[in-house]
Amino acid sequence: MRDQDFFWEGVDKGELLVQCCSGCGELRHPPAPMCPECLSLGWEPKPMQGLGTVFTFMLSRHPTQADESPRIVALVDLPEGVRMVSNLVDIGIDEVAAGMPVSVVFREVNGERLPQFRPRGEGA
């Protein structure tokens, strides 16, 4: 089993999972074989709420994208203390701001299910 397999299995089920160290409880993403805090090799998957805030973002125009349309790539801070790289959807680049609240949504992209983030209302 590869270190990241649990993450993709969670995505297939509509869950956002990160590694939680069995030794010290430290959360980590992206997945890794060893805890950088206590050097434990033990871990378990931990579900995240799927809420976050945009830390920073950029417009990406990658020449190998199948659809050739630009995408908004963001660093998203989760309240559990993990930062993830993902795409922002359902929003234009002119509407994105650092600190903006977002929530995870799972979408098919080029035949693969991926976690993406979209804006969330203040009451969400």
N, C-alpha and C. Protein backbone atom coordinates (compact mmCIF):
# COMPACT_ATOMS: atom_id res chain seq x y z
N MET A 1 0.84 -1.19 0.00
CA MET A 1 0.00 0.00 0.00
C MET A 1 0.89 1.25 0.00
N ARG A 2 0.56 2.18 -0.86
CA ARG A 2 1.31 3.44 -0.90
C ARG A 2 0.80 4.38 0.20
N ASP A 3 1.64 5.30 0.62
CA ASP A 3 1.30 6.21 1.72
C ASP A 3 0.01 7.00 1.46
N GLN A 4 -0.27 7.32 0.20
CA GLN A 4 -1.41 8.17 -0.12
C GLN A 4 -2.67 7.39 -0.48
N ASP A 5 -2.64 6.07 -0.53
CA ASP A 5 -3.81 5.30 -0.96
C ASP A 5 -5.05 5.59 -0.11
N PHE A 6 -4.88 5.71 1.21
CA PHE A 6 -6.01 5.98 2.10
C PHE A 6 -6.70 7.31 1.72
N PHE A 7 -5.90 8.30 1.31
CA PHE A 7 -6.44 9.60 0.94
C PHE A 7 -7.40 9.46 -0.24
N TRP A 8 -6.96 8.74 -1.28
CA TRP A 8 -7.78 8.57 -2.49
C TRP A 8 -8.98 7.67 -2.24
N GLU A 9 -8.85 6.70 -1.35
CA GLU A 9 -10.00 5.89 -0.98
C GLU A 9 -11.05 6.76 -0.28
N GLY A 10 -10.60 7.68 0.55
CA GLY A 10 -11.51 8.63 1.19
C GLY A 10 -12.19 9.52 0.18
N VAL A 11 -11.43 10.03 -0.78
CA VAL A 11 -12.00 10.88 -1.83
C VAL A 11 -13.11 10.13 -2.57
N ASP A 12 -12.87 8.85 -2.87
CA ASP A 12 -13.88 8.04 -3.56
C ASP A 12 -15.17 7.93 -2.75
N LYS A 13 -15.05 8.03 -1.42
CA LYS A 13 -16.22 7.94 -0.53
C LYS A 13 -16.76 9.32 -0.16
N GLY A 14 -16.16 10.38 -0.68
CA GLY A 14 -16.60 11.73 -0.34
C GLY A 14 -16.08 12.21 1.00
N GLU A 15 -14.91 11.69 1.43
CA GLU A 15 -14.31 12.09 2.70
C GLU A 15 -12.95 12.73 2.45
N LEU A 16 -12.64 13.75 3.22
CA LEU A 16 -11.33 14.39 3.17
C LEU A 16 -10.55 13.87 4.37
N LEU A 17 -9.53 13.03 4.11
CA LEU A 17 -8.76 12.38 5.17
C LEU A 17 -7.32 12.86 5.18
N VAL A 18 -6.74 12.96 6.38
CA VAL A 18 -5.31 13.22 6.53
C VAL A 18 -4.74 12.19 7.50
N GLN A 19 -3.44 12.10 7.54
CA GLN A 19 -2.79 11.20 8.48
C GLN A 19 -2.74 11.81 9.87
N CYS A 20 -2.99 10.97 10.87
CA CYS A 20 -2.85 11.36 12.26
C CYS A 20 -1.84 10.41 12.90
N CYS A 21 -0.76 10.94 13.43
CA CYS A 21 0.29 10.13 14.03
C CYS A 21 -0.25 9.38 15.24
N SER A 22 -0.01 8.07 15.30
CA SER A 22 -0.43 7.26 16.44
C SER A 22 0.43 7.54 17.68
N GLY A 23 1.63 8.07 17.46
CA GLY A 23 2.53 8.34 18.57
C GLY A 23 2.25 9.65 19.29
N CYS A 24 2.06 10.73 18.51
CA CYS A 24 1.92 12.05 19.14
C CYS A 24 0.64 12.79 18.75
N GLY A 25 -0.13 12.25 17.80
CA GLY A 25 -1.37 12.90 17.40
C GLY A 25 -1.21 14.00 16.37
N GLU A 26 0.01 14.25 15.90
CA GLU A 26 0.26 15.29 14.89
C GLU A 26 -0.45 14.93 13.59
N LEU A 27 -1.12 15.92 13.00
CA LEU A 27 -1.76 15.73 11.70
C LEU A 27 -0.77 16.09 10.61
N ARG A 28 -0.82 15.36 9.50
CA ARG A 28 0.10 15.70 8.41
C ARG A 28 -0.55 15.46 7.05
N HIS A 29 -0.25 16.38 6.15
CA HIS A 29 -0.63 16.28 4.76
C HIS A 29 0.37 17.11 3.97
N PRO A 30 0.94 16.62 2.90
CA PRO A 30 0.64 15.35 2.26
C PRO A 30 1.13 14.17 3.10
N PRO A 31 0.61 12.97 2.78
CA PRO A 31 0.98 11.77 3.53
C PRO A 31 2.48 11.48 3.44
N ALA A 32 2.99 10.90 4.50
CA ALA A 32 4.41 10.52 4.57
C ALA A 32 4.54 9.27 5.44
N PRO A 33 5.60 8.50 5.25
CA PRO A 33 5.73 7.25 6.01
C PRO A 33 6.08 7.45 7.48
N MET A 34 6.66 8.60 7.83
CA MET A 34 7.13 8.81 9.21
C MET A 34 6.71 10.19 9.71
N CYS A 35 6.35 10.26 10.98
CA CYS A 35 5.98 11.53 11.59
C CYS A 35 7.22 12.41 11.74
N PRO A 36 7.18 13.64 11.25
CA PRO A 36 8.33 14.53 11.39
C PRO A 36 8.52 15.04 12.82
N GLU A 37 7.49 14.91 13.66
CA GLU A 37 7.58 15.39 15.04
C GLU A 37 8.22 14.37 15.98
N CYS A 38 7.69 13.10 15.95
CA CYS A 38 8.17 12.10 16.92
C CYS A 38 8.83 10.90 16.26
N LEU A 39 8.89 10.88 14.93
CA LEU A 39 9.51 9.83 14.12
C LEU A 39 8.78 8.49 14.18
N SER A 40 7.55 8.49 14.64
CA SER A 40 6.75 7.27 14.66
C SER A 40 6.37 6.86 13.24
N LEU A 41 6.30 5.55 13.02
CA LEU A 41 5.84 5.02 11.75
C LEU A 41 4.35 4.69 11.78
N GLY A 42 3.74 4.78 12.96
CA GLY A 42 2.32 4.47 13.10
C GLY A 42 1.44 5.67 12.83
N TRP A 43 0.33 5.43 12.15
CA TRP A 43 -0.62 6.49 11.88
C TRP A 43 -1.98 5.90 11.57
N GLU A 44 -3.00 6.76 11.60
CA GLU A 44 -4.35 6.36 11.21
C GLU A 44 -4.98 7.50 10.44
N PRO A 45 -5.93 7.18 9.56
CA PRO A 45 -6.61 8.26 8.83
C PRO A 45 -7.56 9.01 9.74
N LYS A 46 -7.60 10.32 9.56
CA LYS A 46 -8.51 11.15 10.36
C LYS A 46 -9.33 12.02 9.41
N PRO A 47 -10.67 11.97 9.54
CA PRO A 47 -11.51 12.80 8.67
C PRO A 47 -11.45 14.28 9.08
N MET A 48 -11.40 15.14 8.08
CA MET A 48 -11.46 16.58 8.28
C MET A 48 -12.89 17.05 8.05
N GLN A 49 -13.23 18.22 8.59
CA GLN A 49 -14.57 18.79 8.41
C GLN A 49 -14.86 19.14 6.96
N GLY A 50 -13.81 19.45 6.21
CA GLY A 50 -14.00 19.88 4.82
C GLY A 50 -14.20 21.38 4.70
N LEU A 51 -13.94 22.11 5.77
CA LEU A 51 -14.03 23.57 5.76
C LEU A 51 -12.63 24.15 5.78
N GLY A 52 -12.48 25.37 5.29
CA GLY A 52 -11.17 25.99 5.34
C GLY A 52 -11.24 27.44 4.92
N THR A 53 -10.06 28.05 4.86
CA THR A 53 -9.94 29.42 4.36
C THR A 53 -8.78 29.47 3.37
N VAL A 54 -8.91 30.33 2.39
CA VAL A 54 -7.86 30.50 1.39
C VAL A 54 -6.69 31.24 2.04
N PHE A 55 -5.51 30.63 1.98
CA PHE A 55 -4.30 31.29 2.47
C PHE A 55 -3.72 32.17 1.37
N THR A 56 -3.56 31.58 0.18
CA THR A 56 -3.11 32.31 -0.99
C THR A 56 -3.57 31.55 -2.23
N PHE A 57 -3.44 32.18 -3.40
CA PHE A 57 -3.94 31.56 -4.62
C PHE A 57 -3.21 32.11 -5.84
N MET A 58 -3.37 31.40 -6.97
CA MET A 58 -2.81 31.85 -8.24
C MET A 58 -3.63 31.29 -9.38
N LEU A 59 -3.56 31.93 -10.52
CA LEU A 59 -4.21 31.44 -11.73
C LEU A 59 -3.18 30.62 -12.50
N SER A 60 -3.52 29.36 -12.78
CA SER A 60 -2.59 28.46 -13.46
C SER A 60 -3.06 28.22 -14.90
N ARG A 61 -2.15 28.41 -15.81
CA ARG A 61 -2.40 28.09 -17.22
C ARG A 61 -1.35 27.08 -17.64
N HIS A 62 -1.65 25.81 -17.46
CA HIS A 62 -0.69 24.75 -17.73
C HIS A 62 -0.90 24.22 -19.14
N PRO A 63 0.16 24.12 -19.94
CA PRO A 63 0.00 23.73 -21.34
C PRO A 63 -0.46 22.29 -21.55
N THR A 64 -0.36 21.45 -20.53
CA THR A 64 -0.76 20.05 -20.71
C THR A 64 -2.18 19.77 -20.23
N GLN A 65 -2.90 20.77 -19.75
CA GLN A 65 -4.28 20.56 -19.32
C GLN A 65 -5.14 20.15 -20.50
N ALA A 66 -5.99 19.16 -20.28
CA ALA A 66 -6.83 18.64 -21.37
C ALA A 66 -7.81 19.70 -21.89
N ASP A 67 -8.37 20.50 -20.99
CA ASP A 67 -9.39 21.47 -21.43
C ASP A 67 -8.81 22.85 -21.71
N GLU A 68 -7.55 23.07 -21.43
CA GLU A 68 -6.83 24.32 -21.71
C GLU A 68 -7.37 25.55 -21.00
N SER A 69 -8.40 25.43 -20.19
CA SER A 69 -8.89 26.59 -19.46
C SER A 69 -8.06 26.78 -18.19
N PRO A 70 -7.83 28.04 -17.81
CA PRO A 70 -7.05 28.27 -16.59
C PRO A 70 -7.80 27.78 -15.36
N ARG A 71 -7.05 27.46 -14.33
CA ARG A 71 -7.68 27.04 -13.08
C ARG A 71 -7.08 27.85 -11.94
N ILE A 72 -7.87 27.98 -10.89
CA ILE A 72 -7.40 28.70 -9.71
C ILE A 72 -6.85 27.68 -8.72
N VAL A 73 -5.56 27.77 -8.45
CA VAL A 73 -4.89 26.88 -7.51
C VAL A 73 -4.72 27.65 -6.20
N ALA A 74 -5.07 27.00 -5.09
CA ALA A 74 -5.02 27.69 -3.80
C ALA A 74 -4.36 26.83 -2.73
N LEU A 75 -3.77 27.51 -1.76
CA LEU A 75 -3.38 26.88 -0.50
C LEU A 75 -4.54 27.14 0.44
N VAL A 76 -5.11 26.08 0.98
CA VAL A 76 -6.28 26.18 1.85
C VAL A 76 -5.90 25.72 3.25
N ASP A 77 -6.11 26.59 4.23
CA ASP A 77 -5.87 26.26 5.63
C ASP A 77 -7.13 25.62 6.21
N LEU A 78 -7.00 24.40 6.73
CA LEU A 78 -8.10 23.74 7.41
C LEU A 78 -8.04 24.09 8.89
N PRO A 79 -9.17 24.21 9.57
CA PRO A 79 -9.15 24.59 10.99
C PRO A 79 -8.46 23.55 11.88
N GLU A 80 -8.32 22.34 11.39
CA GLU A 80 -7.64 21.29 12.16
C GLU A 80 -6.13 21.51 12.20
N GLY A 81 -5.62 22.44 11.37
CA GLY A 81 -4.20 22.77 11.41
C GLY A 81 -3.40 22.25 10.23
N VAL A 82 -4.07 21.81 9.18
CA VAL A 82 -3.40 21.29 7.99
C VAL A 82 -3.62 22.26 6.85
N ARG A 83 -2.62 22.40 5.99
CA ARG A 83 -2.74 23.23 4.79
C ARG A 83 -2.70 22.31 3.57
N MET A 84 -3.64 22.52 2.63
CA MET A 84 -3.73 21.68 1.43
C MET A 84 -3.63 22.54 0.18
N VAL A 85 -3.05 21.96 -0.87
CA VAL A 85 -3.07 22.56 -2.20
C VAL A 85 -4.26 21.97 -2.93
N SER A 86 -5.08 22.81 -3.53
CA SER A 86 -6.24 22.34 -4.27
C SER A 86 -6.66 23.40 -5.27
N ASN A 87 -7.69 23.09 -6.03
CA ASN A 87 -8.26 24.06 -6.96
C ASN A 87 -9.50 24.68 -6.34
N LEU A 88 -9.76 25.94 -6.71
CA LEU A 88 -11.00 26.61 -6.33
C LEU A 88 -11.95 26.52 -7.52
N VAL A 89 -13.21 26.22 -7.25
CA VAL A 89 -14.22 26.10 -8.30
C VAL A 89 -15.42 26.97 -7.95
N ASP A 90 -16.26 27.20 -8.93
CA ASP A 90 -17.49 27.97 -8.77
C ASP A 90 -17.23 29.42 -8.38
N ILE A 91 -16.11 29.96 -8.85
CA ILE A 91 -15.74 31.34 -8.53
C ILE A 91 -14.77 31.85 -9.59
N GLY A 92 -14.82 33.15 -9.87
CA GLY A 92 -13.88 33.77 -10.80
C GLY A 92 -12.66 34.29 -10.05
N ILE A 93 -11.55 34.40 -10.74
CA ILE A 93 -10.30 34.84 -10.12
C ILE A 93 -10.45 36.22 -9.47
N ASP A 94 -11.28 37.09 -10.03
CA ASP A 94 -11.47 38.43 -9.48
C ASP A 94 -12.26 38.43 -8.18
N GLU A 95 -12.91 37.31 -7.86
CA GLU A 95 -13.72 37.21 -6.65
C GLU A 95 -12.97 36.55 -5.48
N VAL A 96 -11.83 35.95 -5.75
CA VAL A 96 -11.08 35.22 -4.73
C VAL A 96 -10.29 36.19 -3.87
N ALA A 97 -10.22 35.91 -2.57
CA ALA A 97 -9.43 36.73 -1.65
C ALA A 97 -8.83 35.85 -0.57
N ALA A 98 -7.65 36.21 -0.11
CA ALA A 98 -7.04 35.52 1.02
C ALA A 98 -7.99 35.66 2.21
N GLY A 99 -8.15 34.59 2.96
CA GLY A 99 -9.03 34.59 4.12
C GLY A 99 -10.46 34.20 3.80
N MET A 100 -10.77 34.02 2.51
CA MET A 100 -12.12 33.66 2.09
C MET A 100 -12.47 32.25 2.60
N PRO A 101 -13.66 32.09 3.20
CA PRO A 101 -14.08 30.76 3.66
C PRO A 101 -14.49 29.87 2.49
N VAL A 102 -14.05 28.62 2.52
CA VAL A 102 -14.34 27.65 1.47
C VAL A 102 -14.73 26.32 2.09
N SER A 103 -15.35 25.46 1.27
CA SER A 103 -15.67 24.10 1.71
C SER A 103 -15.33 23.14 0.58
N VAL A 104 -15.04 21.91 0.97
CA VAL A 104 -14.63 20.90 -0.01
C VAL A 104 -15.84 20.41 -0.81
N VAL A 105 -15.57 20.10 -2.06
CA VAL A 105 -16.54 19.47 -2.95
C VAL A 105 -15.74 18.48 -3.78
N PHE A 106 -16.33 17.33 -4.06
CA PHE A 106 -15.63 16.30 -4.82
C PHE A 106 -16.18 16.30 -6.25
N ARG A 107 -15.27 16.50 -7.22
CA ARG A 107 -15.68 16.63 -8.62
C ARG A 107 -14.86 15.70 -9.51
N GLU A 108 -15.49 15.28 -10.60
CA GLU A 108 -14.79 14.51 -11.63
C GLU A 108 -13.99 15.49 -12.50
N VAL A 109 -12.70 15.23 -12.65
CA VAL A 109 -11.83 16.04 -13.48
C VAL A 109 -11.02 15.08 -14.35
N ASN A 110 -11.24 15.14 -15.64
CA ASN A 110 -10.53 14.27 -16.58
C ASN A 110 -10.60 12.80 -16.16
N GLY A 111 -11.78 12.37 -15.74
CA GLY A 111 -11.99 10.97 -15.39
C GLY A 111 -11.56 10.56 -13.99
N GLU A 112 -11.09 11.51 -13.19
CA GLU A 112 -10.68 11.21 -11.81
C GLU A 112 -11.48 12.07 -10.84
N ARG A 113 -11.83 11.49 -9.70
CA ARG A 113 -12.52 12.26 -8.66
C ARG A 113 -11.48 12.98 -7.82
N LEU A 114 -11.66 14.29 -7.66
CA LEU A 114 -10.68 15.11 -6.93
C LEU A 114 -11.38 15.98 -5.90
N PRO A 115 -10.72 16.23 -4.76
CA PRO A 115 -11.25 17.21 -3.83
C PRO A 115 -10.91 18.61 -4.33
N GLN A 116 -11.91 19.46 -4.39
CA GLN A 116 -11.75 20.85 -4.80
C GLN A 116 -12.41 21.70 -3.71
N PHE A 117 -12.20 22.98 -3.73
CA PHE A 117 -12.85 23.85 -2.75
C PHE A 117 -13.67 24.90 -3.47
N ARG A 118 -14.80 25.26 -2.88
CA ARG A 118 -15.67 26.30 -3.42
C ARG A 118 -16.00 27.29 -2.31
N PRO A 119 -16.41 28.50 -2.68
CA PRO A 119 -16.76 29.49 -1.65
C PRO A 119 -17.91 28.99 -0.80
N ARG A 120 -17.89 29.37 0.47
CA ARG A 120 -19.03 29.03 1.34
C ARG A 120 -19.57 30.31 1.95
N GLY A 121 -20.86 30.31 2.18
CA GLY A 121 -21.51 31.45 2.77
C GLY A 121 -21.08 31.63 4.23
N GLU A 122 -21.31 32.78 4.74
CA GLU A 122 -20.92 33.07 6.13
C GLU A 122 -21.62 32.17 7.13
N GLY A 123 -22.82 31.69 6.82
CA GLY A 123 -23.54 30.84 7.76
C GLY A 123 -23.20 29.37 7.66
N ALA A 124 -22.36 28.99 6.69
CA ALA A 124 -22.05 27.57 6.48
C ALA A 124 -21.01 27.07 7.45
